[in-house]
Structures are given as structure tokens and as C-alpha cells.
């Protein structure tokens, strides 16, 4: 038989069975006259867990305040109102943010001007650096050319000229000497005067002096002047090379400094833009609109706090309004730890709401929390209940957020099972027993039990339908004298 059919049959059967328990009293003695018995029944049995909870949307959107700091509510949509997507929900006071935005606009413009100046300074520095490097390269090139010109042009030319002058002077000395020697012969024979002889002698001596001077100048050129001039030109090349390197490094450093300044100005500008956009965004977030259709529920009301109202201060990330995101609903209940082992996801559930009488909604266990409810545990440390969600099939148009409900989780159901009231079964030393009514009095009998639904427990073995078992088993075991406890 399908489960949907079993749901319809099992509940009436259990109720009927509960009403049909045959209670009888013993009549052989005064003690037996006060004993109550229940007849072992056989028939449909439903093992269930019943808990109370409330209805909530299966999915919901929590709208928070995203305005930094604290701000006041200027206007607020009434709780319970059905809104459309785009409708105004909350208007927060953004006057302080608007003033901050005006101030930020000035700061942003200053940052933008500084950025433009930094760009122009970088362009100027690049141009100046290129000019300085080009000029230094030109000086270095000219210095190398001057060195080459001296080594391969000026010095060889001067050397050739000086050697030529020395050769001419030497020839002139020889010619003057020859003329003087000839003049002496002519003077001896009275062909020339003494004055003419002295003139030729003077010319010879003068040519000797010119020769010595030319010889000395050649020595100076080769020994001192050339070495000095060569060292001067080489030093000039070296100095111009180092000056070029300094100029290049100086130019690179100046450009790097200008680029660093530009990056700093760009970073500052981006920072101010982001700050401006953030303030603008904060002003926009002060106007909170509905992202979708739904019924407004104040988040504070759901948490048992004072509901929102105009003029109230709210803080950043505070939950303001809850909107359902679909038309399906959940039943939220708490399962006691004693029943937790019997509940798994997917189990069928029946839900009843006082606000919707004569209507039973069907659903399934969707989620069982892995940890107990901390809020309830804080109020009562000995109470451990696990939040459980039940997805309800249908309910649109009938169920409302926050309605109270009663959930019946169907753990197991049987078309035919033996069962007795839970108070008939006791546990002794880890085993379960009942006291069966017999002709000579109650007889202790070991039984094997299954699950119970807090009213009836299923009997797997040890009893037969129609037998009578005591509803008031003894408090101590007659054999061992040990205390007994209910098997539940």
C-alpha cells in the first residue's frame, strides 16, 4: 500500500485503537481488584514524533543596512505590507554623507589638478633630460674627435713642420758657413772689405743660432708639448665620458623621481575617486528598495526585539527587513535529543495550523541541524533541542509567515503490528519485560520491542494478540529485587 494511503488509514486506526483498549480489573483479591490491564492489539500502527513550531518561507531575503556607522530611519514601510519590486522600503538619513560628498568633490578636484601637474612635470623632465644627455653626448663626441684630430692631424703636421724648419736651418747654417769661408779667401786677396767679411760671419753665426733654436723646439715638441697635449686631450675625453654618464644617471634619476611622483598622484587620485564613489554609493544605499515582490516582515520582530520605527537609529549590517523569495513554506521545529536518532531527512510529515483549521499539509524533513539550539540551551542548559526544517508541499495563499503549527513526523508506519501502551513495558538490566495476566496472577515475560510513538510501543516478539498485560508493572524485579524503569 502506498504511503499516502497509509497516512489516511493509520491515524484513525491508532485513534480507534486507543479508544478500544480493553481495560480490565482483576477480581480474585483486593490487590488484583485495583490492577489495570491492557489487551495486546494487532492492527495499523504509526510511529510518529509531534512537535510545535512556526511557519516560515522556505527561502527568504534579509535586507540589511549597508550605510556605514549609525543613522536614523526617516521613513519606513509598514510591517505586513505586500510590496512590489522597486518599492521604497526604508529611507535612511544620509545628510551627513551628502555633506561629506560635497567636501570630497573639492578634494577630488585638487587631486585631479595635482595629477595633471605631475604629468606635465614628467613630460618636461623627459624633454630636459633628453636635451642634457644629447648635449653631453655631443661634448663627448667632440672630445674624442679633438683627440683623434690632434693625434692624427695636428701633432704630425707640427712635427713635420718643425723637422722641416730644422732641416732648413741646418742648410742655412751650411750655406752661411760656406759663404763665410769664401769671404775669408776673398778678403785675404782684398776682393771684399772687412765689413763685408764681418757681415758674412754674422750671418753664419745667426744661422747657427736659428738651427739650435729649431732643434730645441723640435725636442720640446717631441718631449714635452706633445705629451702634455696628448694627456690633455685624453683627459678631456675621459672627463666628457664621465660627464655623459653622470648626465645619463641624473636624467634617469630625475625621470624616475617624476614618474614616482606621477604614480603617487595617480594613486592619490584613484583613492579620492574611490572615496567619492564610496560616499556616493553610501548615499544611494540610504534608499533601500524591495529587490522583489513579497510581504514585509521586520527582522527585529522575528528576533523578539523592539520593532523598527521612524526616528530609530540603526547600525551597519543590522538586519532590517525580511522578504520571502518564493511561494513555498517551511515548518521550523525543534527536535529533542531523545528523538533525534529516529529522525532523518526525507521523512514524511503532517502539518496542522490553528489558523487554517480542518486542513492538513504534507511535507518532508529537509534539514536537521548538527548542533543544538544555543539560545534555548543558554536558557536551559539541560535542554538540548535540534532545529529542524520541514519543507511543506503547497500552502501558497493559505499559510503566512510566523503562523504557529504542529508537525507530526512519520517515523514508521505498519499495516499490521502488535502494540501495547508504553507504560506496560519496563527495562531491567538492559532487557525489556511485561507482566502478563495469568490465572494464578501476573507473570513476568521478556519481550522484544520496536519503536514507540510516546503512546504505544511496537511488540516484535514475546506477546500475542488478545493477551492482557499490566498497565501498572511493579517497581522492583521480583527475581533480583532490582529497580525497574520504563523501557522508553
Protein backbone atom coordinates (compact mmCIF):
# COMPACT_ATOMS: atom_id res chain seq x y z
CA UNK A 1 0.00 0.00 0.00
CA UNK A 2 1.33 3.48 -0.83
CA UNK A 3 2.34 5.86 1.97
CA UNK A 4 -0.31 8.44 1.02
CA UNK A 5 -2.96 5.78 1.59
CA UNK A 6 -1.34 4.66 4.81
CA UNK A 7 -1.49 8.22 6.12
CA UNK A 8 -5.26 8.16 5.72
CA UNK A 9 -5.71 4.78 7.33
CA UNK A 10 -3.12 4.76 10.11
CA UNK A 11 -4.22 7.79 12.12
CA UNK A 12 -7.85 6.76 12.50
CA UNK A 13 -6.71 3.24 13.25
CA UNK A 14 -4.45 4.39 16.08
CA UNK A 15 -7.12 6.68 17.50
CA UNK A 16 -9.62 3.86 17.28
CA UNK A 17 -7.16 1.50 18.87
CA UNK A 18 -6.58 3.98 21.67
CA UNK A 19 -10.29 4.11 22.30
CA UNK A 20 -10.68 0.36 22.08
CA UNK A 21 -8.14 -0.61 24.69
CA UNK A 22 -9.85 -3.16 26.82
CA UNK A 23 -9.10 -2.18 30.38
CA UNK A 24 -9.99 -4.84 32.92
CA UNK A 25 -9.52 -5.21 36.63
CA UNK A 26 -8.53 -8.36 38.48
CA UNK A 27 -11.27 -9.73 40.76
CA UNK A 28 -9.67 -12.51 42.86
CA UNK A 29 -8.39 -10.24 45.64
CA UNK A 30 -8.32 -6.68 46.88
CA UNK A 31 -4.88 -6.19 45.30
CA UNK A 32 -5.98 -7.63 41.98
CA UNK A 33 -9.12 -5.51 42.12
CA UNK A 34 -7.02 -2.37 41.80
CA UNK A 35 -4.80 -3.68 38.94
CA UNK A 36 -5.36 -2.35 35.40
CA UNK A 37 -4.64 -4.33 32.25
CA UNK A 38 -4.48 -3.60 28.54
CA UNK A 39 -5.19 -6.05 25.78
CA UNK A 40 -2.44 -6.60 23.21
CA UNK A 41 -3.78 -5.13 19.98
CA UNK A 42 -2.92 -6.02 16.38
CA UNK A 43 -3.58 -3.60 13.54
CA UNK A 44 -2.28 -0.46 11.79
CA UNK A 45 0.35 1.46 13.79
CA UNK A 46 2.04 4.77 13.14
CA UNK A 47 5.29 5.70 14.91
CA UNK A 48 5.47 9.48 14.96
CA UNK A 49 7.05 12.46 16.69
CA UNK A 50 4.97 15.56 17.35
CA UNK A 51 6.49 18.98 17.90
CA UNK A 52 5.22 22.56 17.81
CA UNK A 53 6.86 25.27 15.74
CA UNK A 54 6.11 28.09 13.35
CA UNK A 55 5.71 28.67 9.62
CA UNK A 56 8.45 30.47 7.68
CA UNK A 57 9.23 30.97 3.98
CA UNK A 58 11.38 28.20 2.56
CA UNK A 59 13.73 30.86 1.27
CA UNK A 60 13.91 34.46 2.41
CA UNK A 61 15.92 37.55 1.66
CA UNK A 62 17.29 39.50 4.59
CA UNK A 63 17.74 43.19 3.86
CA UNK A 64 20.46 44.87 5.90
CA UNK A 65 21.61 48.43 6.43
CA UNK A 66 24.71 48.95 4.30
CA UNK A 67 25.34 52.53 5.41
CA UNK A 68 28.50 52.84 7.49
CA UNK A 69 28.18 53.88 11.10
CA UNK A 70 24.84 54.74 12.65
CA UNK A 71 22.00 56.62 11.01
CA UNK A 72 18.34 57.31 11.67
CA UNK A 73 15.30 55.98 9.84
CA UNK A 74 13.46 58.79 8.03
CA UNK A 75 10.65 56.70 6.54
CA UNK A 76 9.69 53.04 6.88
CA UNK A 77 7.22 50.76 5.08
CA UNK A 78 4.57 49.30 7.42
CA UNK A 79 5.16 45.73 8.57
CA UNK A 80 2.98 43.18 6.80
CA UNK A 81 2.54 45.28 3.66
CA UNK A 82 2.76 43.48 0.33
CA UNK A 83 5.33 45.31 -1.77
CA UNK A 84 6.42 45.11 -5.39
CA UNK A 85 9.98 45.01 -6.67
CA UNK A 86 11.39 48.54 -6.62
CA UNK A 87 9.05 49.86 -3.91
CA UNK A 88 10.66 52.00 -1.21
CA UNK A 89 11.18 50.03 2.00
CA UNK A 90 13.40 52.22 4.16
CA UNK A 91 14.81 55.72 3.78
CA UNK A 92 17.82 56.34 5.99
CA UNK A 93 19.19 59.76 6.91
CA UNK A 94 22.10 60.49 4.53
CA UNK A 95 22.55 64.21 5.27
CA UNK A 96 25.99 63.67 6.83
CA UNK A 97 27.06 61.64 3.79
CA UNK A 98 25.83 64.39 1.44
CA UNK A 99 27.96 66.97 3.29
CA UNK A 100 30.88 64.57 3.12
CA UNK A 101 30.33 64.19 -0.61
CA UNK A 102 30.50 67.99 -1.16
CA UNK A 103 33.79 68.14 0.74
CA UNK A 104 35.10 65.13 -1.15
CA UNK A 105 34.35 66.77 -4.51
CA UNK A 106 36.80 69.57 -3.64
CA UNK A 107 39.44 67.07 -2.51
CA UNK A 108 38.92 65.10 -5.72
CA UNK A 109 39.37 68.19 -7.92
CA UNK A 110 42.59 69.08 -6.08
CA UNK A 111 43.87 65.53 -6.58
CA UNK A 112 42.99 65.74 -10.28
CA UNK A 113 44.86 69.07 -10.66
CA UNK A 114 47.91 67.64 -8.89
CA UNK A 115 47.81 64.66 -11.22
CA UNK A 116 47.75 66.90 -14.33
CA UNK A 117 50.69 68.93 -12.97
CA UNK A 118 52.65 65.72 -12.29
CA UNK A 119 52.03 64.56 -15.88
CA UNK A 120 53.28 67.86 -17.28
CA UNK A 121 56.32 67.83 -14.98
CA UNK A 122 57.18 64.35 -16.19
CA UNK A 123 56.95 65.45 -19.85
CA UNK A 124 59.13 68.49 -19.11
CA UNK A 125 61.66 66.39 -17.24
CA UNK A 126 61.84 63.84 -20.04
CA UNK A 127 62.42 66.64 -22.58
CA UNK A 128 65.06 68.34 -20.39
CA UNK A 129 66.79 65.05 -19.66
CA UNK A 130 66.90 64.15 -23.34
CA UNK A 131 68.40 67.58 -24.12
CA UNK A 132 71.02 67.30 -21.36
CA UNK A 133 72.02 63.80 -22.45
CA UNK A 134 72.21 64.84 -26.08
CA UNK A 135 74.44 67.81 -25.21
CA UNK A 136 76.70 65.63 -23.05
CA UNK A 137 76.94 63.04 -25.84
CA UNK A 138 77.88 65.82 -28.26
CA UNK A 139 80.62 67.08 -25.94
CA UNK A 140 81.93 63.55 -25.54
CA UNK A 141 81.92 63.01 -29.30
CA UNK A 142 83.73 66.32 -29.89
CA UNK A 143 86.34 65.45 -27.26
CA UNK A 144 87.08 62.13 -28.99
CA UNK A 145 87.26 63.88 -32.33
CA UNK A 146 89.65 66.52 -30.91
CA UNK A 147 91.88 63.73 -29.59
CA UNK A 148 91.85 61.97 -32.94
CA UNK A 149 92.44 65.28 -34.70
CA UNK A 150 95.46 66.02 -32.54
CA UNK A 151 96.96 62.53 -32.69
CA UNK A 152 96.45 62.04 -36.39
CA UNK A 153 96.41 65.61 -37.65
CA UNK A 154 97.78 68.49 -35.63
CA UNK A 155 100.73 66.75 -33.99
CA UNK A 156 102.05 65.01 -37.11
CA UNK A 157 101.69 68.29 -39.02
CA UNK A 158 103.55 70.25 -36.35
CA UNK A 159 106.20 67.55 -36.16
CA UNK A 160 106.75 67.60 -39.93
CA UNK A 161 106.82 71.41 -39.97
CA UNK A 162 109.30 71.55 -37.10
CA UNK A 163 111.57 68.94 -38.67
CA UNK A 164 111.39 70.83 -41.97
CA UNK A 165 112.29 74.03 -40.22
CA UNK A 166 115.23 72.27 -38.58
CA UNK A 167 116.41 70.95 -41.94
CA UNK A 168 116.14 74.42 -43.50
CA UNK A 169 118.03 75.94 -40.57
CA UNK A 170 120.72 73.31 -40.93
CA UNK A 171 121.06 74.04 -44.64
CA UNK A 172 121.16 77.75 -43.96
CA UNK A 173 123.98 77.21 -41.45
CA UNK A 174 125.94 75.27 -44.05
CA UNK A 175 125.34 77.86 -46.72
CA UNK A 176 126.26 80.73 -44.38
CA UNK A 177 129.40 78.91 -43.31
CA UNK A 178 130.41 78.24 -46.91
CA UNK A 179 129.85 81.88 -47.81
CA UNK A 180 131.83 83.00 -44.80
CA UNK A 181 134.74 80.68 -45.71
CA UNK A 182 134.70 82.03 -49.28
CA UNK A 183 134.51 85.60 -48.00
CA UNK A 184 137.61 84.99 -45.89
CA UNK A 185 139.53 83.98 -49.03
CA UNK A 186 138.26 86.98 -50.93
CA UNK A 187 139.15 89.30 -48.04
CA UNK A 188 142.63 87.83 -47.90
CA UNK A 189 143.09 88.78 -51.56
CA UNK A 190 141.44 92.19 -50.95
CA UNK A 191 138.44 91.47 -53.12
CA UNK A 192 135.97 92.38 -50.33
CA UNK A 193 136.11 94.69 -47.45
CA UNK A 194 136.42 93.73 -43.79
CA UNK A 195 132.88 94.93 -43.25
CA UNK A 196 131.56 92.51 -45.81
CA UNK A 197 133.55 89.72 -44.16
CA UNK A 198 132.14 90.56 -40.75
CA UNK A 199 128.63 90.59 -42.26
CA UNK A 200 129.06 87.12 -43.65
CA UNK A 201 130.43 85.94 -40.31
CA UNK A 202 127.43 87.42 -38.54
CA UNK A 203 125.05 85.67 -40.97
CA UNK A 204 126.81 82.37 -40.31
CA UNK A 205 126.53 82.72 -36.54
CA UNK A 206 122.91 83.88 -36.80
CA UNK A 207 122.03 80.81 -38.88
CA UNK A 208 123.72 78.66 -36.24
CA UNK A 209 121.51 80.21 -33.57
CA UNK A 210 118.39 79.61 -35.70
CA UNK A 211 119.42 76.00 -36.17
CA UNK A 212 119.92 75.49 -32.46
CA UNK A 213 116.58 77.15 -31.78
CA UNK A 214 114.77 74.92 -34.32
CA UNK A 215 116.49 71.88 -32.87
CA UNK A 216 115.44 72.89 -29.38
CA UNK A 217 111.84 73.50 -30.46
CA UNK A 218 111.69 70.02 -32.05
CA UNK A 219 112.97 68.48 -28.84
CA UNK A 220 110.36 70.43 -26.83
CA UNK A 221 107.61 69.35 -29.19
CA UNK A 222 108.52 65.69 -29.04
CA UNK A 223 109.44 65.54 -25.37
CA UNK A 224 107.08 67.94 -23.58
CA UNK A 225 104.47 69.67 -25.72
CA UNK A 226 103.20 66.51 -27.41
CA UNK A 227 102.97 64.53 -24.17
CA UNK A 228 101.17 67.40 -22.44
CA UNK A 229 98.72 68.00 -25.27
CA UNK A 230 98.04 64.26 -25.67
CA UNK A 231 97.34 63.89 -21.93
CA UNK A 232 95.11 66.97 -22.06
CA UNK A 233 93.03 65.62 -24.95
CA UNK A 234 92.78 62.15 -23.40
CA UNK A 235 91.74 63.62 -20.06
CA UNK A 236 89.17 65.76 -21.82
CA UNK A 237 87.72 62.63 -23.47
CA UNK A 238 87.64 60.84 -20.12
CA UNK A 239 86.01 63.81 -18.34
CA UNK A 240 83.43 64.22 -21.07
CA UNK A 241 82.69 60.47 -20.89
CA UNK A 242 82.17 60.62 -17.14
CA UNK A 243 80.11 63.78 -17.53
CA UNK A 244 77.95 61.93 -20.05
CA UNK A 245 77.48 59.03 -17.65
CA UNK A 246 76.60 61.44 -14.83
CA UNK A 247 74.16 63.25 -17.07
CA UNK A 248 72.51 59.99 -18.10
CA UNK A 249 72.18 58.83 -14.48
CA UNK A 250 70.99 62.24 -13.38
CA UNK A 251 68.44 62.27 -16.19
CA UNK A 252 67.26 58.75 -15.35
CA UNK A 253 67.02 59.67 -11.66
CA UNK A 254 65.08 62.85 -12.42
CA UNK A 255 62.70 60.97 -14.73
CA UNK A 256 62.25 58.18 -12.14
CA UNK A 257 61.51 60.79 -9.49
CA UNK A 258 58.98 62.49 -11.75
CA UNK A 259 57.42 59.11 -12.61
CA UNK A 260 57.26 58.19 -8.92
CA UNK A 261 55.60 61.50 -8.19
CA UNK A 262 53.15 60.82 -11.02
CA UNK A 263 52.36 57.35 -9.66
CA UNK A 264 51.80 58.83 -6.21
CA UNK A 265 49.47 61.44 -7.66
CA UNK A 266 47.67 58.75 -9.69
CA UNK A 267 47.32 56.60 -6.57
CA UNK A 268 46.02 59.56 -4.59
CA UNK A 269 43.60 60.44 -7.38
CA UNK A 270 42.29 56.86 -7.58
CA UNK A 271 41.97 56.81 -3.79
CA UNK A 272 39.94 60.02 -3.84
CA UNK A 273 37.81 58.74 -6.74
CA UNK A 274 37.12 55.52 -4.82
CA UNK A 275 36.29 57.51 -1.72
CA UNK A 276 33.96 59.75 -3.74
CA UNK A 277 32.30 56.74 -5.34
CA UNK A 278 32.03 55.04 -1.94
CA UNK A 279 30.32 58.10 -0.43
CA UNK A 280 28.02 58.33 -3.44
CA UNK A 281 27.27 54.63 -3.10
CA UNK A 282 26.57 55.09 0.61
CA UNK A 283 24.10 57.86 -0.23
CA UNK A 284 22.41 55.55 -2.75
CA UNK A 285 22.28 52.74 -0.15
CA UNK A 286 20.46 55.03 2.24
CA UNK A 287 17.45 54.49 -0.02
CA UNK A 288 16.50 50.83 0.37
CA UNK A 289 14.08 49.40 -2.20
CA UNK A 290 12.46 45.99 -2.47
CA UNK A 291 14.55 43.66 -4.67
CA UNK A 292 11.43 41.54 -5.36
CA UNK A 293 7.78 41.18 -4.52
CA UNK A 294 6.90 39.99 -1.04
CA UNK A 295 5.36 40.68 2.36
CA UNK A 296 7.39 42.92 4.67
CA UNK A 297 8.48 41.43 7.99
CA UNK A 298 10.66 43.45 10.37
CA UNK A 299 13.74 41.42 11.29
CA UNK A 300 13.60 42.78 14.85
CA UNK A 301 10.11 41.34 15.27
CA UNK A 302 11.34 37.87 14.28
CA UNK A 303 14.10 38.13 16.90
CA UNK A 304 11.76 39.27 19.68
CA UNK A 305 13.22 42.78 19.80
CA UNK A 306 11.55 46.18 19.64
CA UNK A 307 10.16 46.62 16.12
CA UNK A 308 11.60 49.21 13.77
CA UNK A 309 10.12 52.69 13.77
CA UNK A 310 10.81 56.05 12.19
CA UNK A 311 13.49 58.04 14.01
CA UNK A 312 15.17 54.89 15.34
CA UNK A 313 18.93 54.60 14.90
CA UNK A 314 20.28 51.58 13.05
CA UNK A 315 23.85 50.45 12.53
CA UNK A 316 25.79 48.97 9.65
CA UNK A 317 24.99 45.32 8.81
CA UNK A 318 21.90 45.40 11.04
CA UNK A 319 19.06 43.20 9.73
CA UNK A 320 16.11 45.43 8.89
CA UNK A 321 13.53 43.62 6.78
CA UNK A 322 12.88 40.04 5.71
CA UNK A 323 11.22 39.26 2.37
CA UNK A 324 10.25 35.74 1.22
CA UNK A 325 11.88 34.76 -2.07
CA UNK A 326 9.32 32.16 -3.21
CA UNK A 327 5.81 30.90 -2.50
CA UNK A 328 6.80 27.74 -0.64
CA UNK A 329 6.97 27.45 3.15
CA UNK A 330 8.83 25.68 5.92
CA UNK A 331 7.76 24.45 9.31
CA UNK A 332 10.54 25.20 11.78
CA UNK A 333 10.54 22.97 14.85
CA UNK A 334 12.99 21.73 17.47
CA UNK A 335 13.59 18.01 17.96
CA UNK A 336 14.52 16.82 21.45
CA UNK A 337 17.77 14.90 21.62
CA UNK A 338 15.91 11.78 22.76
CA UNK A 339 14.04 11.67 19.44
CA UNK A 340 16.92 12.78 17.27
CA UNK A 341 18.09 9.26 16.37
CA UNK A 342 14.67 8.49 14.88
CA UNK A 343 14.55 11.49 12.51
CA UNK A 344 16.26 11.59 9.13
CA UNK A 345 15.89 13.85 6.12
CA UNK A 346 13.17 12.89 3.69
CA UNK A 347 10.76 11.56 6.31
CA UNK A 348 7.10 12.41 5.64
CA UNK A 349 5.45 14.97 7.90
CA UNK A 350 1.91 16.18 8.53
CA UNK A 351 1.49 19.84 9.49
CA UNK A 352 -1.56 21.43 11.09
CA UNK A 353 -2.10 25.14 11.78
CA UNK A 354 -4.73 26.60 14.10
CA UNK A 355 -5.07 29.50 11.67
CA UNK A 356 -6.08 27.05 8.90
CA UNK A 357 -8.46 24.61 10.63
CA UNK A 358 -9.56 21.34 9.03
CA UNK A 359 -6.53 21.45 6.75
CA UNK A 360 -3.59 19.05 6.91
CA UNK A 361 -0.49 19.97 4.93
CA UNK A 362 2.02 17.36 3.89
CA UNK A 363 5.78 17.82 3.80
CA UNK A 364 9.20 16.25 4.27
CA UNK A 365 12.06 16.74 6.68
CA UNK A 366 14.54 18.90 4.79
CA UNK A 367 17.27 19.57 7.32
CA UNK A 368 18.24 18.63 10.88
CA UNK A 369 20.83 20.91 12.49
CA UNK A 370 24.05 19.18 13.56
CA UNK A 371 24.19 21.24 16.78
CA UNK A 372 21.50 22.08 19.36
CA UNK A 373 19.80 25.46 19.55
CA UNK A 374 22.23 27.63 21.51
CA UNK A 375 19.60 30.17 22.54
CA UNK A 376 17.37 27.52 24.14
CA UNK A 377 20.42 25.79 25.57
CA UNK A 378 21.53 29.06 27.17
CA UNK A 379 18.13 29.50 28.85
CA UNK A 380 18.08 25.86 29.99
CA UNK A 381 21.47 24.05 29.87
CA UNK A 382 19.78 20.67 30.41
CA UNK A 383 17.53 21.13 27.36
CA UNK A 384 19.11 20.09 24.08
CA UNK A 385 16.87 20.57 21.06
CA UNK A 386 17.98 20.49 17.44
CA UNK A 387 16.46 22.97 14.96
CA UNK A 388 14.72 21.08 12.15
CA UNK A 389 13.24 22.35 8.88
CA UNK A 390 10.26 20.71 7.18
CA UNK A 391 9.53 21.64 3.58
CA UNK A 392 5.76 21.94 3.08
CA UNK A 393 4.09 20.90 -0.17
CA UNK A 394 1.77 23.72 -1.23
CA UNK A 395 0.36 26.24 1.23
CA UNK A 396 0.57 29.30 -1.03
CA UNK A 397 -2.35 31.61 -0.30
CA UNK A 398 -3.17 29.84 2.98
CA UNK A 399 -0.02 29.87 5.07
CA UNK A 400 1.56 33.04 6.39
CA UNK A 401 4.97 33.77 7.79
CA UNK A 402 5.03 33.35 11.60
CA UNK A 403 1.92 31.14 11.96
CA UNK A 404 2.05 28.57 14.75
CA UNK A 405 1.93 24.94 13.68
CA UNK A 406 2.07 21.36 14.89
CA UNK A 407 4.28 18.95 12.94
CA UNK A 408 3.83 15.18 13.04
CA UNK A 409 6.91 13.38 11.71
CA UNK A 410 6.04 9.89 10.46
CA UNK A 411 8.99 7.76 11.55
CA UNK A 412 7.47 4.38 10.61
CA UNK A 413 4.01 3.01 9.81
CA UNK A 414 2.72 -0.53 9.67
CA UNK A 415 -0.46 -2.02 8.22
CA UNK A 416 -0.36 -4.78 10.82
CA UNK A 417 1.61 -4.74 14.05
CA UNK A 418 1.31 -5.82 17.67
CA UNK A 419 1.42 -2.95 20.16
CA UNK A 420 0.71 -2.08 23.77
CA UNK A 421 0.77 1.17 25.78
CA UNK A 422 4.32 2.31 26.51
CA UNK A 423 3.73 2.15 30.30
CA UNK A 424 3.29 -1.61 30.07
CA UNK A 425 6.95 -2.21 29.14
CA UNK A 426 9.80 -1.86 31.62
CA UNK A 427 13.56 -2.31 31.37
CA UNK A 428 15.55 -4.49 33.73
CA UNK A 429 19.33 -4.86 33.34
CA UNK A 430 19.16 -3.75 29.71
CA UNK A 431 16.30 -6.11 28.72
CA UNK A 432 12.57 -5.35 28.28
CA UNK A 433 9.73 -7.10 30.13
CA UNK A 434 5.98 -7.00 30.58
CA UNK A 435 3.71 -8.58 33.19
CA UNK A 436 1.15 -10.84 31.51
CA UNK A 437 -2.10 -11.56 33.28
CA UNK A 438 -2.47 -15.23 34.12
CA UNK A 439 -4.82 -17.48 36.07
CA UNK A 440 -2.52 -17.52 39.07
CA UNK A 441 -1.53 -13.85 38.85
CA UNK A 442 0.76 -11.65 36.73
CA UNK A 443 3.70 -13.40 35.07
CA UNK A 444 6.89 -11.56 34.12
CA UNK A 445 7.74 -12.13 30.45
CA UNK A 446 10.65 -10.96 28.33
CA UNK A 447 9.67 -9.18 25.09
CA UNK A 448 11.39 -7.59 22.14
CA UNK A 449 10.15 -4.10 21.32
CA UNK A 450 10.43 -1.77 18.34
CA UNK A 451 9.86 1.97 18.15
CA UNK A 452 7.21 3.87 20.09
CA UNK A 453 5.18 7.00 19.42
CA UNK A 454 5.07 8.14 23.07
CA UNK A 455 1.71 6.34 23.49
CA UNK A 456 2.18 2.87 22.06
CA UNK A 457 5.21 0.67 21.59
CA UNK A 458 5.51 -1.99 18.92
CA UNK A 459 5.99 -5.59 20.15
CA UNK A 460 8.30 -7.60 17.91
CA UNK A 461 8.18 -10.84 19.90
CA UNK A 462 7.04 -12.27 23.23
CA UNK A 463 3.31 -11.46 23.10
CA UNK A 464 0.24 -12.48 21.10
CA UNK A 465 -2.83 -10.50 20.17
CA UNK A 466 -5.54 -10.68 22.81
CA UNK A 467 -3.24 -11.26 25.79
CA UNK A 468 -3.57 -8.87 28.67
CA UNK A 469 -0.59 -7.02 30.13
CA UNK A 470 -0.39 -4.94 33.26
CA UNK A 471 -0.60 -1.16 32.94
CA UNK A 472 0.97 -0.88 36.40
CA UNK A 473 4.07 -3.09 36.42
CA UNK A 474 5.91 -3.46 39.76
CA UNK A 475 8.65 -1.01 40.73
CA UNK A 476 11.11 -3.81 41.59
CA UNK A 477 12.04 -7.05 39.88
CA UNK A 478 10.57 -9.95 41.85
CA UNK A 479 13.54 -12.18 40.98
CA UNK A 480 16.54 -9.91 41.57
CA UNK A 481 14.99 -7.10 43.61
CA UNK A 482 16.48 -4.55 41.15
CA UNK A 483 14.67 -1.33 40.36
CA UNK A 484 12.82 -1.25 37.07
CA UNK A 485 12.36 1.61 34.63
CA UNK A 486 10.08 2.30 31.73
CA UNK A 487 11.53 0.93 28.52
CA UNK A 488 11.01 4.20 26.63
